[in-house]
Each structure stands twice: as structure tokens, then as C-alpha cells.
PDB file of N, CA and C in Angstrom:
ATOM      1  N   UNK A   1      27.775  25.172   1.692  1.00  0.00           N
ATOM      2  CA  UNK A   1      27.047  23.965   1.947  1.00  0.00           C
ATOM      3  C   UNK A   1      27.553  22.824   1.073  1.00  0.00           C
ATOM      4  N   UNK A   2      27.717  21.630   1.717  1.00  0.00           N
ATOM      5  CA  UNK A   2      28.101  20.522   0.938  1.00  0.00           C
ATOM      6  C   UNK A   2      26.957  19.860   0.180  1.00  0.00           C
ATOM      7  N   UNK A   3      27.201  19.616  -1.066  1.00  0.00           N
ATOM      8  CA  UNK A   3      26.067  18.987  -1.885  1.00  0.00           C
ATOM      9  C   UNK A   3      25.730  17.616  -1.295  1.00  0.00           C
ATOM     10  N   UNK A   4      24.483  17.261  -1.449  1.00  0.00           N
ATOM     11  CA  UNK A   4      24.055  15.952  -0.814  1.00  0.00           C
ATOM     12  C   UNK A   4      24.723  14.744  -1.408  1.00  0.00           C
ATOM     13  N   UNK A   5      25.215  14.894  -2.699  1.00  0.00           N
ATOM     14  CA  UNK A   5      25.847  13.663  -3.267  1.00  0.00           C
ATOM     15  C   UNK A   5      27.379  13.671  -2.978  1.00  0.00           C
ATOM     16  N   UNK A   6      27.817  14.595  -2.148  1.00  0.00           N
ATOM     17  CA  UNK A   6      29.250  14.660  -1.797  1.00  0.00           C
ATOM     18  C   UNK A   6      29.585  14.269  -0.395  1.00  0.00           C
ATOM     19  N   UNK A   7      28.572  13.725   0.282  1.00  0.00           N
ATOM     20  CA  UNK A   7      28.772  13.269   1.690  1.00  0.00           C
ATOM     21  C   UNK A   7      27.893  12.122   1.984  1.00  0.00           C
ATOM     22  N   UNK A   8      28.136  11.332   2.981  1.00  0.00           N
ATOM     23  CA  UNK A   8      27.301  10.193   3.389  1.00  0.00           C
ATOM     24  C   UNK A   8      27.266  10.186   4.871  1.00  0.00           C
ATOM     25  N   UNK A   9      26.130  10.341   5.466  1.00  0.00           N
ATOM     26  CA  UNK A   9      25.943  10.387   6.898  1.00  0.00           C
ATOM     27  C   UNK A   9      25.659   8.957   7.417  1.00  0.00           C
ATOM     28  N   UNK A  10      26.552   8.495   8.274  1.00  0.00           N
ATOM     29  CA  UNK A  10      26.317   7.176   8.851  1.00  0.00           C
ATOM     30  C   UNK A  10      26.461   7.133  10.322  1.00  0.00           C
ATOM     31  N   UNK A  11      25.733   6.317  11.039  1.00  0.00           N
ATOM     32  CA  UNK A  11      25.881   6.186  12.445  1.00  0.00           C
ATOM     33  C   UNK A  11      27.027   5.266  12.793  1.00  0.00           C
ATOM     34  N   UNK A  12      27.831   5.667  13.699  1.00  0.00           N
ATOM     35  CA  UNK A  12      28.905   4.887  14.159  1.00  0.00           C
ATOM     36  C   UNK A  12      28.396   3.535  14.637  1.00  0.00           C
ATOM     37  N   UNK A  13      27.323   3.428  15.325  1.00  0.00           N
ATOM     38  CA  UNK A  13      26.763   2.096  15.799  1.00  0.00           C
ATOM     39  C   UNK A  13      26.459   1.249  14.644  1.00  0.00           C
ATOM     40  N   UNK A  14      25.956   1.766  13.513  1.00  0.00           N
ATOM     41  CA  UNK A  14      25.824   0.982  12.355  1.00  0.00           C
ATOM     42  C   UNK A  14      27.033   0.434  11.705  1.00  0.00           C
ATOM     43  N   UNK A  15      28.001   1.254  11.735  1.00  0.00           N
ATOM     44  CA  UNK A  15      29.353   0.879  11.207  1.00  0.00           C
ATOM     45  C   UNK A  15      29.984  -0.262  12.133  1.00  0.00           C
ATOM     46  N   UNK A  16      29.723  -0.211  13.358  1.00  0.00           N
ATOM     47  CA  UNK A  16      30.193  -1.258  14.332  1.00  0.00           C
ATOM     48  C   UNK A  16      29.457  -2.577  14.098  1.00  0.00           C
ATOM     49  N   UNK A  17      28.155  -2.466  13.846  1.00  0.00           N
ATOM     50  CA  UNK A  17      27.310  -3.693  13.731  1.00  0.00           C
ATOM     51  C   UNK A  17      27.537  -4.382  12.354  1.00  0.00           C
ATOM     52  N   UNK A  18      27.547  -3.607  11.336  1.00  0.00           N
ATOM     53  CA  UNK A  18      27.626  -4.179   9.930  1.00  0.00           C
ATOM     54  C   UNK A  18      28.561  -3.384   9.059  1.00  0.00           C
ATOM     55  N   UNK A  19      29.829  -3.473   9.447  1.00  0.00           N
ATOM     56  CA  UNK A  19      30.775  -2.638   8.712  1.00  0.00           C
ATOM     57  C   UNK A  19      30.841  -2.736   7.223  1.00  0.00           C
ATOM     58  N   UNK A  20      30.745  -3.966   6.716  1.00  0.00           N
ATOM     59  CA  UNK A  20      30.912  -4.207   5.317  1.00  0.00           C
ATOM     60  C   UNK A  20      29.664  -3.589   4.582  1.00  0.00           C
ATOM     61  N   UNK A  21      28.502  -3.751   5.034  1.00  0.00           N
ATOM     62  CA  UNK A  21      27.357  -3.106   4.404  1.00  0.00           C
ATOM     63  C   UNK A  21      27.349  -1.587   4.454  1.00  0.00           C
ATOM     64  N   UNK A  22      27.773  -1.075   5.612  1.00  0.00           N
ATOM     65  CA  UNK A  22      27.885   0.358   5.715  1.00  0.00           C
ATOM     66  C   UNK A  22      28.907   0.989   4.795  1.00  0.00           C
ATOM     67  N   UNK A  23      30.130   0.294   4.639  1.00  0.00           N
ATOM     68  CA  UNK A  23      31.117   0.784   3.699  1.00  0.00           C
ATOM     69  C   UNK A  23      30.623   0.667   2.264  1.00  0.00           C
ATOM     70  N   UNK A  24      29.918  -0.349   2.055  1.00  0.00           N
ATOM     71  CA  UNK A  24      29.367  -0.511   0.647  1.00  0.00           C
ATOM     72  C   UNK A  24      28.365   0.624   0.416  1.00  0.00           C
ATOM     73  N   UNK A  25      27.519   0.925   1.368  1.00  0.00           N
ATOM     74  CA  UNK A  25      26.589   2.012   1.260  1.00  0.00           C
ATOM     75  C   UNK A  25      27.248   3.333   1.057  1.00  0.00           C
ATOM     76  N   UNK A  26      28.317   3.611   1.711  1.00  0.00           N
ATOM     77  CA  UNK A  26      29.089   4.823   1.494  1.00  0.00           C
ATOM     78  C   UNK A  26      29.671   4.924   0.119  1.00  0.00           C
ATOM     79  N   UNK A  27      30.254   3.859  -0.401  1.00  0.00           N
ATOM     80  CA  UNK A  27      30.710   3.874  -1.714  1.00  0.00           C
ATOM     81  C   UNK A  27      29.569   4.146  -2.724  1.00  0.00           C
ATOM     82  N   UNK A  28      28.390   3.498  -2.563  1.00  0.00           N
ATOM     83  CA  UNK A  28      27.316   3.700  -3.522  1.00  0.00           C
ATOM     84  C   UNK A  28      26.789   5.127  -3.389  1.00  0.00           C
ATOM     85  N   UNK A  29      26.611   5.674  -2.224  1.00  0.00           N
ATOM     86  CA  UNK A  29      26.167   7.080  -1.985  1.00  0.00           C
ATOM     87  C   UNK A  29      27.014   8.087  -2.636  1.00  0.00           C
ATOM     88  N   UNK A  30      28.319   7.798  -2.620  1.00  0.00           N
ATOM     89  CA  UNK A  30      29.226   8.789  -3.127  1.00  0.00           C
ATOM     90  C   UNK A  30      29.583   8.582  -4.609  1.00  0.00           C
ATOM     91  N   UNK A  31      28.858   7.601  -5.127  1.00  0.00           N
ATOM     92  CA  UNK A  31      29.036   7.374  -6.587  1.00  0.00           C
ATOM     93  C   UNK A  31      30.213   6.555  -7.008  1.00  0.00           C
ATOM     94  N   UNK A  32      30.948   5.901  -6.021  1.00  0.00           N
ATOM     95  CA  UNK A  32      32.066   5.035  -6.442  1.00  0.00           C
ATOM     96  C   UNK A  32      31.463   3.693  -6.832  1.00  0.00           C
ATOM     97  N   UNK A  33      31.679   3.308  -8.047  1.00  0.00           N
ATOM     98  CA  UNK A  33      31.076   2.094  -8.534  1.00  0.00           C
ATOM     99  C   UNK A  33      31.973   0.905  -8.643  1.00  0.00           C
ATOM    100  N   UNK A  34      33.099   1.016  -7.942  1.00  0.00           N
ATOM    101  CA  UNK A  34      33.992  -0.138  -7.963  1.00  0.00           C
ATOM    102  C   UNK A  34      34.198  -0.895  -6.600  1.00  0.00           C
ATOM    103  N   UNK A  35      33.137  -0.886  -5.815  1.00  0.00           N
ATOM    104  CA  UNK A  35      33.214  -1.555  -4.518  1.00  0.00           C
ATOM    105  C   UNK A  35      33.567  -3.013  -4.685  1.00  0.00           C
ATOM    106  N   UNK A  36      33.054  -3.717  -5.593  1.00  0.00           N
ATOM    107  CA  UNK A  36      33.340  -5.181  -5.813  1.00  0.00           C
ATOM    108  C   UNK A  36      34.786  -5.381  -6.019  1.00  0.00           C
ATOM    109  N   UNK A  37      35.465  -4.432  -6.609  1.00  0.00           N
ATOM    110  CA  UNK A  37      36.866  -4.601  -6.842  1.00  0.00           C
ATOM    111  C   UNK A  37      37.729  -4.535  -5.595  1.00  0.00           C
ATOM    112  N   UNK A  38      37.212  -3.806  -4.615  1.00  0.00           N
ATOM    113  CA  UNK A  38      38.002  -3.588  -3.312  1.00  0.00           C
ATOM    114  C   UNK A  38      37.400  -4.413  -2.247  1.00  0.00           C
ATOM    115  N   UNK A  39      36.248  -5.123  -2.417  1.00  0.00           N
ATOM    116  CA  UNK A  39      35.621  -5.760  -1.329  1.00  0.00           C
ATOM    117  C   UNK A  39      36.472  -6.788  -0.627  1.00  0.00           C
ATOM    118  N   UNK A  40      37.299  -7.540  -1.334  1.00  0.00           N
ATOM    119  CA  UNK A  40      38.226  -8.459  -0.681  1.00  0.00           C
ATOM    120  C   UNK A  40      39.191  -7.786   0.223  1.00  0.00           C
ATOM    121  N   UNK A  41      39.664  -6.632  -0.171  1.00  0.00           N
ATOM    122  CA  UNK A  41      40.571  -5.852   0.764  1.00  0.00           C
ATOM    123  C   UNK A  41      39.870  -5.394   1.959  1.00  0.00           C
ATOM    124  N   UNK A  42      38.666  -4.934   1.740  1.00  0.00           N
ATOM    125  CA  UNK A  42      37.902  -4.401   2.898  1.00  0.00           C
ATOM    126  C   UNK A  42      37.629  -5.583   3.891  1.00  0.00           C
ATOM    127  N   UNK A  43      37.236  -6.710   3.301  1.00  0.00           N
ATOM    128  CA  UNK A  43      36.989  -7.912   4.162  1.00  0.00           C
ATOM    129  C   UNK A  43      38.247  -8.273   4.924  1.00  0.00           C
ATOM    130  N   UNK A  44      39.356  -8.297   4.284  1.00  0.00           N
ATOM    131  CA  UNK A  44      40.645  -8.633   4.900  1.00  0.00           C
ATOM    132  C   UNK A  44      40.975  -7.600   5.998  1.00  0.00           C
ATOM    133  N   UNK A  45      40.786  -6.361   5.771  1.00  0.00           N
ATOM    134  CA  UNK A  45      41.030  -5.354   6.802  1.00  0.00           C
ATOM    135  C   UNK A  45      40.073  -5.519   8.023  1.00  0.00           C
ATOM    136  N   UNK A  46      38.861  -5.825   7.738  1.00  0.00           N
ATOM    137  CA  UNK A  46      37.885  -6.062   8.829  1.00  0.00           C
ATOM    138  C   UNK A  46      38.247  -7.243   9.644  1.00  0.00           C
ATOM    139  N   UNK A  47      38.724  -8.287   9.041  1.00  0.00           N
ATOM    140  CA  UNK A  47      39.160  -9.558   9.733  1.00  0.00           C
ATOM    141  C   UNK A  47      40.331  -9.254  10.535  1.00  0.00           C
ATOM    142  N   UNK A  48      41.359  -8.543   9.989  1.00  0.00           N
ATOM    143  CA  UNK A  48      42.587  -8.267  10.675  1.00  0.00           C
ATOM    144  C   UNK A  48      42.337  -7.416  11.933  1.00  0.00           C
ATOM    145  N   UNK A  49      41.327  -6.593  11.890  1.00  0.00           N
ATOM    146  CA  UNK A  49      41.019  -5.736  13.005  1.00  0.00           C
ATOM    147  C   UNK A  49      39.838  -6.119  13.837  1.00  0.00           C
ATOM    148  N   UNK A  50      39.362  -7.420  13.659  1.00  0.00           N
ATOM    149  CA  UNK A  50      38.115  -7.869  14.289  1.00  0.00           C
ATOM    150  C   UNK A  50      38.217  -7.919  15.828  1.00  0.00           C
ATOM    151  N   UNK A  51      39.413  -7.986  16.410  1.00  0.00           N
ATOM    152  CA  UNK A  51      39.587  -7.965  17.862  1.00  0.00           C
ATOM    153  C   UNK A  51      39.818  -6.584  18.399  1.00  0.00           C
ATOM    154  N   UNK A  52      39.666  -5.631  17.660  1.00  0.00           N
ATOM    155  CA  UNK A  52      39.890  -4.175  18.111  1.00  0.00           C
ATOM    156  C   UNK A  52      38.856  -3.848  19.199  1.00  0.00           C
ATOM    157  N   UNK A  53      39.284  -3.267  20.280  1.00  0.00           N
ATOM    158  CA  UNK A  53      38.461  -2.787  21.287  1.00  0.00           C
ATOM    159  C   UNK A  53      38.567  -1.272  21.419  1.00  0.00           C
ATOM    160  N   UNK A  54      37.410  -0.693  21.555  1.00  0.00           N
ATOM    161  CA  UNK A  54      37.264   0.807  21.663  1.00  0.00           C
ATOM    162  C   UNK A  54      37.940   1.190  23.011  1.00  0.00           C
ATOM    163  N   UNK A  55      38.579   2.384  23.037  1.00  0.00           N
ATOM    164  CA  UNK A  55      39.088   2.912  24.229  1.00  0.00           C
ATOM    165  C   UNK A  55      37.935   3.192  25.248  1.00  0.00           C
ATOM    166  N   UNK A  56      38.258   3.020  26.489  1.00  0.00           N
ATOM    167  CA  UNK A  56      37.280   3.281  27.634  1.00  0.00           C
ATOM    168  C   UNK A  56      37.788   4.485  28.391  1.00  0.00           C
ATOM    169  N   UNK A  57      36.928   5.464  28.466  1.00  0.00           N
ATOM    170  CA  UNK A  57      37.212   6.721  29.205  1.00  0.00           C
ATOM    171  C   UNK A  57      36.414   6.782  30.506  1.00  0.00           C
ATOM    172  N   UNK A  58      37.017   7.458  31.461  1.00  0.00           N
ATOM    173  CA  UNK A  58      36.285   7.592  32.724  1.00  0.00           C
ATOM    174  C   UNK A  58      35.266   8.725  32.459  1.00  0.00           C
ATOM    175  N   UNK A  59      34.173   8.702  33.249  1.00  0.00           N
ATOM    176  CA  UNK A  59      33.096   9.645  32.994  1.00  0.00           C
ATOM    177  C   UNK A  59      33.567  11.089  33.178  1.00  0.00           C
ATOM    178  N   UNK A  60      32.909  12.037  32.459  1.00  0.00           N
ATOM    179  CA  UNK A  60      33.270  13.429  32.557  1.00  0.00           C
ATOM    180  C   UNK A  60      32.818  13.995  33.889  1.00  0.00           C
ATOM    181  N   UNK A  61      33.682  14.788  34.506  1.00  0.00           N
ATOM    182  CA  UNK A  61      33.339  15.322  35.781  1.00  0.00           C
ATOM    183  C   UNK A  61      32.094  16.207  35.651  1.00  0.00           C
ATOM    184  N   UNK A  62      31.142  16.207  36.637  1.00  0.00           N
ATOM    185  CA  UNK A  62      29.907  16.954  36.573  1.00  0.00           C
ATOM    186  C   UNK A  62      30.050  18.416  36.229  1.00  0.00           C
ATOM    187  N   UNK A  63      31.108  19.135  36.809  1.00  0.00           N
ATOM    188  CA  UNK A  63      31.295  20.607  36.452  1.00  0.00           C
ATOM    189  C   UNK A  63      31.618  20.728  35.056  1.00  0.00           C
ATOM    190  N   UNK A  64      32.425  19.960  34.471  1.00  0.00           N
ATOM    191  CA  UNK A  64      32.780  20.088  33.002  1.00  0.00           C
ATOM    192  C   UNK A  64      31.573  19.680  32.194  1.00  0.00           C
ATOM    193  N   UNK A  65      30.842  18.651  32.561  1.00  0.00           N
ATOM    194  CA  UNK A  65      29.671  18.246  31.716  1.00  0.00           C
ATOM    195  C   UNK A  65      28.569  19.341  31.741  1.00  0.00           C
ATOM    196  N   UNK A  66      28.335  19.994  32.849  1.00  0.00           N
ATOM    197  CA  UNK A  66      27.500  21.121  32.868  1.00  0.00           C
ATOM    198  C   UNK A  66      27.863  22.286  31.969  1.00  0.00           C
ATOM    199  N   UNK A  67      29.156  22.515  31.975  1.00  0.00           N
ATOM    200  CA  UNK A  67      29.650  23.637  31.109  1.00  0.00           C
ATOM    201  C   UNK A  67      29.503  23.234  29.585  1.00  0.00           C
ATOM    202  N   UNK A  68      29.809  21.981  29.253  1.00  0.00           N
ATOM    203  CA  UNK A  68      29.616  21.474  27.938  1.00  0.00           C
ATOM    204  C   UNK A  68      28.159  21.590  27.532  1.00  0.00           C
ATOM    205  N   UNK A  69      27.260  21.107  28.382  1.00  0.00           N
ATOM    206  CA  UNK A  69      25.833  21.154  28.064  1.00  0.00           C
ATOM    207  C   UNK A  69      25.352  22.565  27.898  1.00  0.00           C
ATOM    208  N   UNK A  70      25.836  23.549  28.672  1.00  0.00           N
ATOM    209  CA  UNK A  70      25.445  24.885  28.587  1.00  0.00           C
ATOM    210  C   UNK A  70      25.944  25.557  27.330  1.00  0.00           C
ATOM    211  N   UNK A  71      27.161  25.323  26.908  1.00  0.00           N
ATOM    212  CA  UNK A  71      27.819  25.897  25.817  1.00  0.00           C
ATOM    213  C   UNK A  71      27.376  25.258  24.397  1.00  0.00           C
ATOM    214  N   UNK A  72      26.955  23.971  24.461  1.00  0.00           N
ATOM    215  CA  UNK A  72      26.704  23.232  23.233  1.00  0.00           C
ATOM    216  C   UNK A  72      25.195  22.932  23.064  1.00  0.00           C
ATOM    217  N   UNK A  73      24.358  23.280  23.996  1.00  0.00           N
ATOM    218  CA  UNK A  73      22.999  22.918  24.015  1.00  0.00           C
ATOM    219  C   UNK A  73      22.324  23.108  22.677  1.00  0.00           C
ATOM    220  N   UNK A  74      22.473  24.280  22.098  1.00  0.00           N
ATOM    221  CA  UNK A  74      21.894  24.670  20.835  1.00  0.00           C
ATOM    222  C   UNK A  74      22.354  23.682  19.738  1.00  0.00           C
ATOM    223  N   UNK A  75      23.623  23.435  19.654  1.00  0.00           N
ATOM    224  CA  UNK A  75      24.136  22.585  18.632  1.00  0.00           C
ATOM    225  C   UNK A  75      23.658  21.130  18.825  1.00  0.00           C
ATOM    226  N   UNK A  76      23.683  20.684  20.084  1.00  0.00           N
ATOM    227  CA  UNK A  76      23.150  19.333  20.403  1.00  0.00           C
ATOM    228  C   UNK A  76      21.733  19.165  19.904  1.00  0.00           C
ATOM    229  N   UNK A  77      20.904  20.168  20.132  1.00  0.00           N
ATOM    230  CA  UNK A  77      19.548  20.149  19.711  1.00  0.00           C
ATOM    231  C   UNK A  77      19.423  20.101  18.236  1.00  0.00           C
ATOM    232  N   UNK A  78      20.160  20.970  17.518  1.00  0.00           N
ATOM    233  CA  UNK A  78      20.102  21.005  16.029  1.00  0.00           C
ATOM    234  C   UNK A  78      20.568  19.712  15.376  1.00  0.00           C
ATOM    235  N   UNK A  79      21.599  19.076  16.062  1.00  0.00           N
ATOM    236  CA  UNK A  79      22.082  17.833  15.519  1.00  0.00           C
ATOM    237  C   UNK A  79      21.404  16.615  15.957  1.00  0.00           C
ATOM    238  N   UNK A  80      20.458  16.771  16.872  1.00  0.00           N
ATOM    239  CA  UNK A  80      19.685  15.603  17.397  1.00  0.00           C
ATOM    240  C   UNK A  80      20.457  14.781  18.473  1.00  0.00           C
ATOM    241  N   UNK A  81      21.425  15.360  19.089  1.00  0.00           N
ATOM    242  CA  UNK A  81      22.221  14.686  20.165  1.00  0.00           C
ATOM    243  C   UNK A  81      21.512  14.821  21.469  1.00  0.00           C
ATOM    244  N   UNK A  82      21.531  13.863  22.248  1.00  0.00           N
ATOM    245  CA  UNK A  82      20.991  13.881  23.598  1.00  0.00           C
ATOM    246  C   UNK A  82      21.942  14.593  24.531  1.00  0.00           C
ATOM    247  N   UNK A  83      21.441  15.374  25.400  1.00  0.00           N
ATOM    248  CA  UNK A  83      22.299  16.042  26.384  1.00  0.00           C
ATOM    249  C   UNK A  83      22.461  15.102  27.559  1.00  0.00           C
ATOM    250  N   UNK A  84      23.688  14.830  27.978  1.00  0.00           N
ATOM    251  CA  UNK A  84      23.881  13.882  29.032  1.00  0.00           C
ATOM    252  C   UNK A  84      23.463  14.549  30.311  1.00  0.00           C
ATOM    253  N   UNK A  85      22.709  13.818  31.072  1.00  0.00           N
ATOM    254  CA  UNK A  85      22.268  14.328  32.425  1.00  0.00           C
ATOM    255  C   UNK A  85      23.390  14.333  33.453  1.00  0.00           C
ATOM    256  N   UNK A  86      23.442  15.192  34.302  1.00  0.00           N
ATOM    257  CA  UNK A  86      24.381  15.308  35.398  1.00  0.00           C
ATOM    258  C   UNK A  86      23.860  14.523  36.532  1.00  0.00           C
TER     259      UNK A  86
END
């Protein structure tokens, strides 16, 4: 088991909405106390990548989605993921 001070759980949506704050939160949670020293580099990186667009994928075929739901249902439930409806 990973110790609670050795990982930081963040939602991707939060990272998309407020990247700088989430990255700072990650540094603080993991005990890295030098965020202010790298903040300018993080801001520069975020600015350089501000026009990045996520890939768009076509929907999963219903037969495959059904198989995924059946095989992963227990894990989806344990992790709090919603099962996609067919």
C-alpha cells in the first residue's frame, strides 16, 4: 500500500480548470517546499501549452462497451467511476 504522504489524488477536470493551483497543491501534499522557486517555469509551460486541445475519439462500439462494463464493473464501483450506459 502506498503511504498517504507519498501520493496525491487529483481530478483531471480540476487540473484542466486551474492547473497552477492543482500543481501547487500536488507539491504541498508531497512535501516539496520549493514551489515558489519553480512557479515561473510552471507558468511559462502552461502559457506555452495554452492552446493544447485534447484528442477526440469516436465513441466505443456498444459490444465492446458492454464487455468493458461487465469485466470492470467491480473496479468501477470501488473507484467511484460511472458505468457508461449502452
